[in-house]
């Protein structure tokens, strides 16, 4: 499992366009910044993405 999802990864999961994907990533990264986490522009934590999108905590199993 990847630690970070890129724009393409999020596009594949959510089936939305590139501009919408970057807005989603930006929103999620702003939430993480508010919580004190360091973020990378254009990428989002895969664990946080799955928690927010699917509403469940992801497992760290491979």
PDB file of N, CA and C in Angstrom:
ATOM      1  N   UNK A   1       0.844  -1.186   0.000  1.00  0.00           N
ATOM      2  CA  UNK A   1       0.000   0.000   0.000  1.00  0.00           C
ATOM      3  C   UNK A   1       0.888   1.247   0.000  1.00  0.00           C
ATOM      4  N   UNK A   2       0.506   2.197  -0.796  1.00  0.00           N
ATOM      5  CA  UNK A   2       1.245   3.458  -0.865  1.00  0.00           C
ATOM      6  C   UNK A   2       0.997   4.288   0.390  1.00  0.00           C
ATOM      7  N   UNK A   3       2.002   5.061   0.792  1.00  0.00           N
ATOM      8  CA  UNK A   3       1.813   5.981   1.914  1.00  0.00           C
ATOM      9  C   UNK A   3       1.041   7.215   1.482  1.00  0.00           C
ATOM     10  N   UNK A   4       1.248   7.626   0.233  1.00  0.00           N
ATOM     11  CA  UNK A   4       0.582   8.813  -0.294  1.00  0.00           C
ATOM     12  C   UNK A   4      -0.083   8.493  -1.618  1.00  0.00           C
ATOM     13  N   UNK A   5      -1.244   9.073  -1.830  1.00  0.00           N
ATOM     14  CA  UNK A   5      -1.927   8.969  -3.114  1.00  0.00           C
ATOM     15  C   UNK A   5      -1.648  10.231  -3.916  1.00  0.00           C
ATOM     16  N   UNK A   6      -1.420  10.051  -5.201  1.00  0.00           N
ATOM     17  CA  UNK A   6      -1.230  11.172  -6.115  1.00  0.00           C
ATOM     18  C   UNK A   6      -2.573  11.543  -6.733  1.00  0.00           C
ATOM     19  N   UNK A   7      -2.555  12.562  -7.551  1.00  0.00           N
ATOM     20  CA  UNK A   7      -3.761  12.990  -8.254  1.00  0.00           C
ATOM     21  C   UNK A   7      -4.353  11.834  -9.056  1.00  0.00           C
ATOM     22  N   UNK A   8      -3.515  11.102  -9.769  1.00  0.00           N
ATOM     23  CA  UNK A   8      -4.001   9.994 -10.594  1.00  0.00           C
ATOM     24  C   UNK A   8      -4.665   8.917  -9.748  1.00  0.00           C
ATOM     25  N   UNK A   9      -4.089   8.599  -8.594  1.00  0.00           N
ATOM     26  CA  UNK A   9      -4.670   7.592  -7.703  1.00  0.00           C
ATOM     27  C   UNK A   9      -6.066   8.011  -7.251  1.00  0.00           C
ATOM     28  N   UNK A  10      -6.197   9.270  -6.838  1.00  0.00           N
ATOM     29  CA  UNK A  10      -7.488   9.780  -6.370  1.00  0.00           C
ATOM     30  C   UNK A  10      -8.490   9.835  -7.523  1.00  0.00           C
ATOM     31  N   UNK A  11      -8.028  10.219  -8.713  1.00  0.00           N
ATOM     32  CA  UNK A  11      -8.903  10.245  -9.888  1.00  0.00           C
ATOM     33  C   UNK A  11      -9.474   8.859 -10.168  1.00  0.00           C
ATOM     34  N   UNK A  12      -8.639   7.835 -10.073  1.00  0.00           N
ATOM     35  CA  UNK A  12      -9.079   6.463 -10.330  1.00  0.00           C
ATOM     36  C   UNK A  12     -10.111   6.002  -9.310  1.00  0.00           C
ATOM     37  N   UNK A  13      -9.907   6.334  -8.054  1.00  0.00           N
ATOM     38  CA  UNK A  13     -10.822   5.904  -6.994  1.00  0.00           C
ATOM     39  C   UNK A  13     -12.152   6.647  -7.075  1.00  0.00           C
ATOM     40  N   UNK A  14     -12.095   7.967  -7.243  1.00  0.00           N
ATOM     41  CA  UNK A  14     -13.302   8.781  -7.158  1.00  0.00           C
ATOM     42  C   UNK A  14     -13.992   9.023  -8.498  1.00  0.00           C
ATOM     43  N   UNK A  15     -13.292   8.686  -9.583  1.00  0.00           N
ATOM     44  CA  UNK A  15     -13.847   8.854 -10.929  1.00  0.00           C
ATOM     45  C   UNK A  15     -14.293  10.289 -11.191  1.00  0.00           C
ATOM     46  N   UNK A  16     -13.399  11.220 -10.888  1.00  0.00           N
ATOM     47  CA  UNK A  16     -13.639  12.640 -11.152  1.00  0.00           C
ATOM     48  C   UNK A  16     -12.469  13.182 -11.967  1.00  0.00           C
ATOM     49  N   UNK A  17     -12.627  14.390 -12.476  1.00  0.00           N
ATOM     50  CA  UNK A  17     -11.593  15.016 -13.285  1.00  0.00           C
ATOM     51  C   UNK A  17     -10.416  15.506 -12.465  1.00  0.00           C
ATOM     52  N   UNK A  18      -9.392  15.935 -13.187  1.00  0.00           N
ATOM     53  CA  UNK A  18      -8.149  16.356 -12.542  1.00  0.00           C
ATOM     54  C   UNK A  18      -8.329  17.579 -11.653  1.00  0.00           C
ATOM     55  N   UNK A  19      -9.066  18.584 -12.120  1.00  0.00           N
ATOM     56  CA  UNK A  19      -9.223  19.801 -11.313  1.00  0.00           C
ATOM     57  C   UNK A  19     -10.001  19.515 -10.032  1.00  0.00           C
ATOM     58  N   UNK A  20     -11.027  18.683 -10.112  1.00  0.00           N
ATOM     59  CA  UNK A  20     -11.797  18.307  -8.923  1.00  0.00           C
ATOM     60  C   UNK A  20     -10.920  17.504  -7.963  1.00  0.00           C
ATOM     61  N   UNK A  21     -10.086  16.654  -8.516  1.00  0.00           N
ATOM     62  CA  UNK A  21      -9.190  15.845  -7.690  1.00  0.00           C
ATOM     63  C   UNK A  21      -8.238  16.722  -6.889  1.00  0.00           C
ATOM     64  N   UNK A  22      -7.664  17.728  -7.546  1.00  0.00           N
ATOM     65  CA  UNK A  22      -6.752  18.625  -6.829  1.00  0.00           C
ATOM     66  C   UNK A  22      -7.486  19.411  -5.741  1.00  0.00           C
ATOM     67  N   UNK A  23      -8.747  19.751  -5.960  1.00  0.00           N
ATOM     68  CA  UNK A  23      -9.535  20.434  -4.925  1.00  0.00           C
ATOM     69  C   UNK A  23      -9.758  19.516  -3.730  1.00  0.00           C
ATOM     70  N   UNK A  24     -10.028  18.240  -4.000  1.00  0.00           N
ATOM     71  CA  UNK A  24     -10.230  17.263  -2.926  1.00  0.00           C
ATOM     72  C   UNK A  24      -8.940  17.096  -2.127  1.00  0.00           C
ATOM     73  N   UNK A  25      -7.819  16.929  -2.829  1.00  0.00           N
ATOM     74  CA  UNK A  25      -6.526  16.773  -2.156  1.00  0.00           C
ATOM     75  C   UNK A  25      -6.211  18.007  -1.318  1.00  0.00           C
ATOM     76  N   UNK A  26      -6.457  19.184  -1.872  1.00  0.00           N
ATOM     77  CA  UNK A  26      -6.194  20.428  -1.140  1.00  0.00           C
ATOM     78  C   UNK A  26      -7.039  20.500   0.128  1.00  0.00           C
ATOM     79  N   UNK A  27      -8.303  20.135   0.032  1.00  0.00           N
ATOM     80  CA  UNK A  27      -9.210  20.154   1.185  1.00  0.00           C
ATOM     81  C   UNK A  27      -8.728  19.185   2.271  1.00  0.00           C
ATOM     82  N   UNK A  28      -8.388  17.973   1.870  1.00  0.00           N
ATOM     83  CA  UNK A  28      -7.915  16.985   2.839  1.00  0.00           C
ATOM     84  C   UNK A  28      -6.604  17.431   3.478  1.00  0.00           C
ATOM     85  N   UNK A  29      -5.702  18.003   2.688  1.00  0.00           N
ATOM     86  CA  UNK A  29      -4.435  18.488   3.241  1.00  0.00           C
ATOM     87  C   UNK A  29      -4.647  19.664   4.191  1.00  0.00           C
ATOM     88  N   UNK A  30      -5.624  20.517   3.915  1.00  0.00           N
ATOM     89  CA  UNK A  30      -5.932  21.615   4.839  1.00  0.00           C
ATOM     90  C   UNK A  30      -6.425  21.063   6.172  1.00  0.00           C
ATOM     91  N   UNK A  31      -7.253  20.007   6.122  1.00  0.00           N
ATOM     92  CA  UNK A  31      -7.721  19.367   7.352  1.00  0.00           C
ATOM     93  C   UNK A  31      -6.536  18.814   8.146  1.00  0.00           C
ATOM     94  N   UNK A  32      -5.613  18.164   7.447  1.00  0.00           N
ATOM     95  CA  UNK A  32      -4.434  17.612   8.118  1.00  0.00           C
ATOM     96  C   UNK A  32      -3.550  18.712   8.690  1.00  0.00           C
ATOM     97  N   UNK A  33      -3.391  19.819   7.963  1.00  0.00           N
ATOM     98  CA  UNK A  33      -2.601  20.950   8.463  1.00  0.00           C
ATOM     99  C   UNK A  33      -3.208  21.518   9.733  1.00  0.00           C
ATOM    100  N   UNK A  34      -4.523  21.610   9.772  1.00  0.00           N
ATOM    101  CA  UNK A  34      -5.226  22.109  10.952  1.00  0.00           C
ATOM    102  C   UNK A  34      -4.950  21.221  12.163  1.00  0.00           C
ATOM    103  N   UNK A  35      -4.787  19.925  11.911  1.00  0.00           N
ATOM    104  CA  UNK A  35      -4.498  18.977  12.986  1.00  0.00           C
ATOM    105  C   UNK A  35      -3.012  18.937  13.338  1.00  0.00           C
ATOM    106  N   UNK A  36      -2.203  19.732  12.628  1.00  0.00           N
ATOM    107  CA  UNK A  36      -0.785  19.817  12.944  1.00  0.00           C
ATOM    108  C   UNK A  36       0.120  18.898  12.146  1.00  0.00           C
ATOM    109  N   UNK A  37      -0.406  18.254  11.129  1.00  0.00           N
ATOM    110  CA  UNK A  37       0.403  17.354  10.309  1.00  0.00           C
ATOM    111  C   UNK A  37       1.071  18.107   9.165  1.00  0.00           C
ATOM    112  N   UNK A  38       2.218  17.614   8.750  1.00  0.00           N
ATOM    113  CA  UNK A  38       2.915  18.153   7.585  1.00  0.00           C
ATOM    114  C   UNK A  38       2.342  17.471   6.354  1.00  0.00           C
ATOM    115  N   UNK A  39       2.074  18.239   5.307  1.00  0.00           N
ATOM    116  CA  UNK A  39       1.504  17.681   4.087  1.00  0.00           C
ATOM    117  C   UNK A  39       2.389  18.004   2.892  1.00  0.00           C
ATOM    118  N   UNK A  40       2.153  17.280   1.809  1.00  0.00           N
ATOM    119  CA  UNK A  40       2.868  17.491   0.556  1.00  0.00           C
ATOM    120  C   UNK A  40       1.847  17.926  -0.481  1.00  0.00           C
ATOM    121  N   UNK A  41       2.091  19.052  -1.119  1.00  0.00           N
ATOM    122  CA  UNK A  41       1.172  19.570  -2.127  1.00  0.00           C
ATOM    123  C   UNK A  41       1.019  18.568  -3.270  1.00  0.00           C
ATOM    124  N   UNK A  42      -0.220  18.298  -3.650  1.00  0.00           N
ATOM    125  CA  UNK A  42      -0.492  17.392  -4.767  1.00  0.00           C
ATOM    126  C   UNK A  42      -0.553  15.928  -4.387  1.00  0.00           C
ATOM    127  N   UNK A  43      -0.316  15.629  -3.101  1.00  0.00           N
ATOM    128  CA  UNK A  43      -0.408  14.257  -2.606  1.00  0.00           C
ATOM    129  C   UNK A  43      -1.179  14.274  -1.295  1.00  0.00           C
ATOM    130  N   UNK A  44      -1.796  13.138  -0.972  1.00  0.00           N
ATOM    131  CA  UNK A  44      -2.541  13.050   0.274  1.00  0.00           C
ATOM    132  C   UNK A  44      -2.223  11.713   0.937  1.00  0.00           C
ATOM    133  N   UNK A  45      -2.202  11.711   2.246  1.00  0.00           N
ATOM    134  CA  UNK A  45      -1.976  10.480   2.999  1.00  0.00           C
ATOM    135  C   UNK A  45      -3.032   9.449   2.607  1.00  0.00           C
ATOM    136  N   UNK A  46      -2.591   8.263   2.223  1.00  0.00           N
ATOM    137  CA  UNK A  46      -3.541   7.231   1.803  1.00  0.00           C
ATOM    138  C   UNK A  46      -4.441   6.814   2.967  1.00  0.00           C
ATOM    139  N   UNK A  47      -3.887   6.742   4.159  1.00  0.00           N
ATOM    140  CA  UNK A  47      -4.680   6.357   5.331  1.00  0.00           C
ATOM    141  C   UNK A  47      -5.778   7.389   5.595  1.00  0.00           C
ATOM    142  N   UNK A  48      -5.412   8.666   5.589  1.00  0.00           N
ATOM    143  CA  UNK A  48      -6.399   9.715   5.851  1.00  0.00           C
ATOM    144  C   UNK A  48      -7.450   9.766   4.740  1.00  0.00           C
ATOM    145  N   UNK A  49      -7.011   9.611   3.495  1.00  0.00           N
ATOM    146  CA  UNK A  49      -7.939   9.600   2.366  1.00  0.00           C
ATOM    147  C   UNK A  49      -8.984   8.500   2.547  1.00  0.00           C
ATOM    148  N   UNK A  50      -8.541   7.294   2.868  1.00  0.00           N
ATOM    149  CA  UNK A  50      -9.469   6.179   3.029  1.00  0.00           C
ATOM    150  C   UNK A  50     -10.410   6.390   4.207  1.00  0.00           C
ATOM    151  N   UNK A  51      -9.909   6.950   5.295  1.00  0.00           N
ATOM    152  CA  UNK A  51     -10.770   7.238   6.444  1.00  0.00           C
ATOM    153  C   UNK A  51     -11.858   8.233   6.077  1.00  0.00           C
ATOM    154  N   UNK A  52     -11.496   9.282   5.349  1.00  0.00           N
ATOM    155  CA  UNK A  52     -12.455  10.340   5.001  1.00  0.00           C
ATOM    156  C   UNK A  52     -13.414   9.913   3.896  1.00  0.00           C
ATOM    157  N   UNK A  53     -12.935   9.157   2.923  1.00  0.00           N
ATOM    158  CA  UNK A  53     -13.773   8.773   1.789  1.00  0.00           C
ATOM    159  C   UNK A  53     -14.676   7.602   2.141  1.00  0.00           C
ATOM    160  N   UNK A  54     -14.117   6.592   2.769  1.00  0.00           N
ATOM    161  CA  UNK A  54     -14.892   5.390   3.060  1.00  0.00           C
ATOM    162  C   UNK A  54     -15.531   5.414   4.439  1.00  0.00           C
ATOM    163  N   UNK A  55     -15.110   6.337   5.283  1.00  0.00           N
ATOM    164  CA  UNK A  55     -15.710   6.469   6.604  1.00  0.00           C
ATOM    165  C   UNK A  55     -15.287   5.394   7.584  1.00  0.00           C
ATOM    166  N   UNK A  56     -14.218   4.686   7.275  1.00  0.00           N
ATOM    167  CA  UNK A  56     -13.719   3.646   8.174  1.00  0.00           C
ATOM    168  C   UNK A  56     -12.224   3.832   8.348  1.00  0.00           C
ATOM    169  N   UNK A  57     -11.710   3.317   9.443  1.00  0.00           N
ATOM    170  CA  UNK A  57     -10.272   3.376   9.650  1.00  0.00           C
ATOM    171  C   UNK A  57      -9.628   2.278   8.829  1.00  0.00           C
ATOM    172  N   UNK A  58      -8.547   2.615   8.159  1.00  0.00           N
ATOM    173  CA  UNK A  58      -7.851   1.621   7.335  1.00  0.00           C
ATOM    174  C   UNK A  58      -6.918   0.801   8.205  1.00  0.00           C
ATOM    175  N   UNK A  59      -6.669  -0.423   7.781  1.00  0.00           N
ATOM    176  CA  UNK A  59      -5.739  -1.299   8.484  1.00  0.00           C
ATOM    177  C   UNK A  59      -4.353  -1.118   7.907  1.00  0.00           C
ATOM    178  N   UNK A  60      -3.353  -1.329   8.714  1.00  0.00           N
ATOM    179  CA  UNK A  60      -1.978  -1.224   8.242  1.00  0.00           C
ATOM    180  C   UNK A  60      -1.455  -2.568   7.757  1.00  0.00           C
ATOM    181  N   UNK A  61      -2.331  -3.465   7.353  1.00  0.00           N
ATOM    182  CA  UNK A  61      -1.902  -4.759   6.845  1.00  0.00           C
ATOM    183  C   UNK A  61      -1.636  -4.664   5.363  1.00  0.00           C
ATOM    184  N   UNK A  62      -0.745  -5.497   4.890  1.00  0.00           N
ATOM    185  CA  UNK A  62      -0.414  -5.501   3.465  1.00  0.00           C
ATOM    186  C   UNK A  62      -1.122  -6.614   2.759  1.00  0.00           C
TER     187      UNK A  62
END
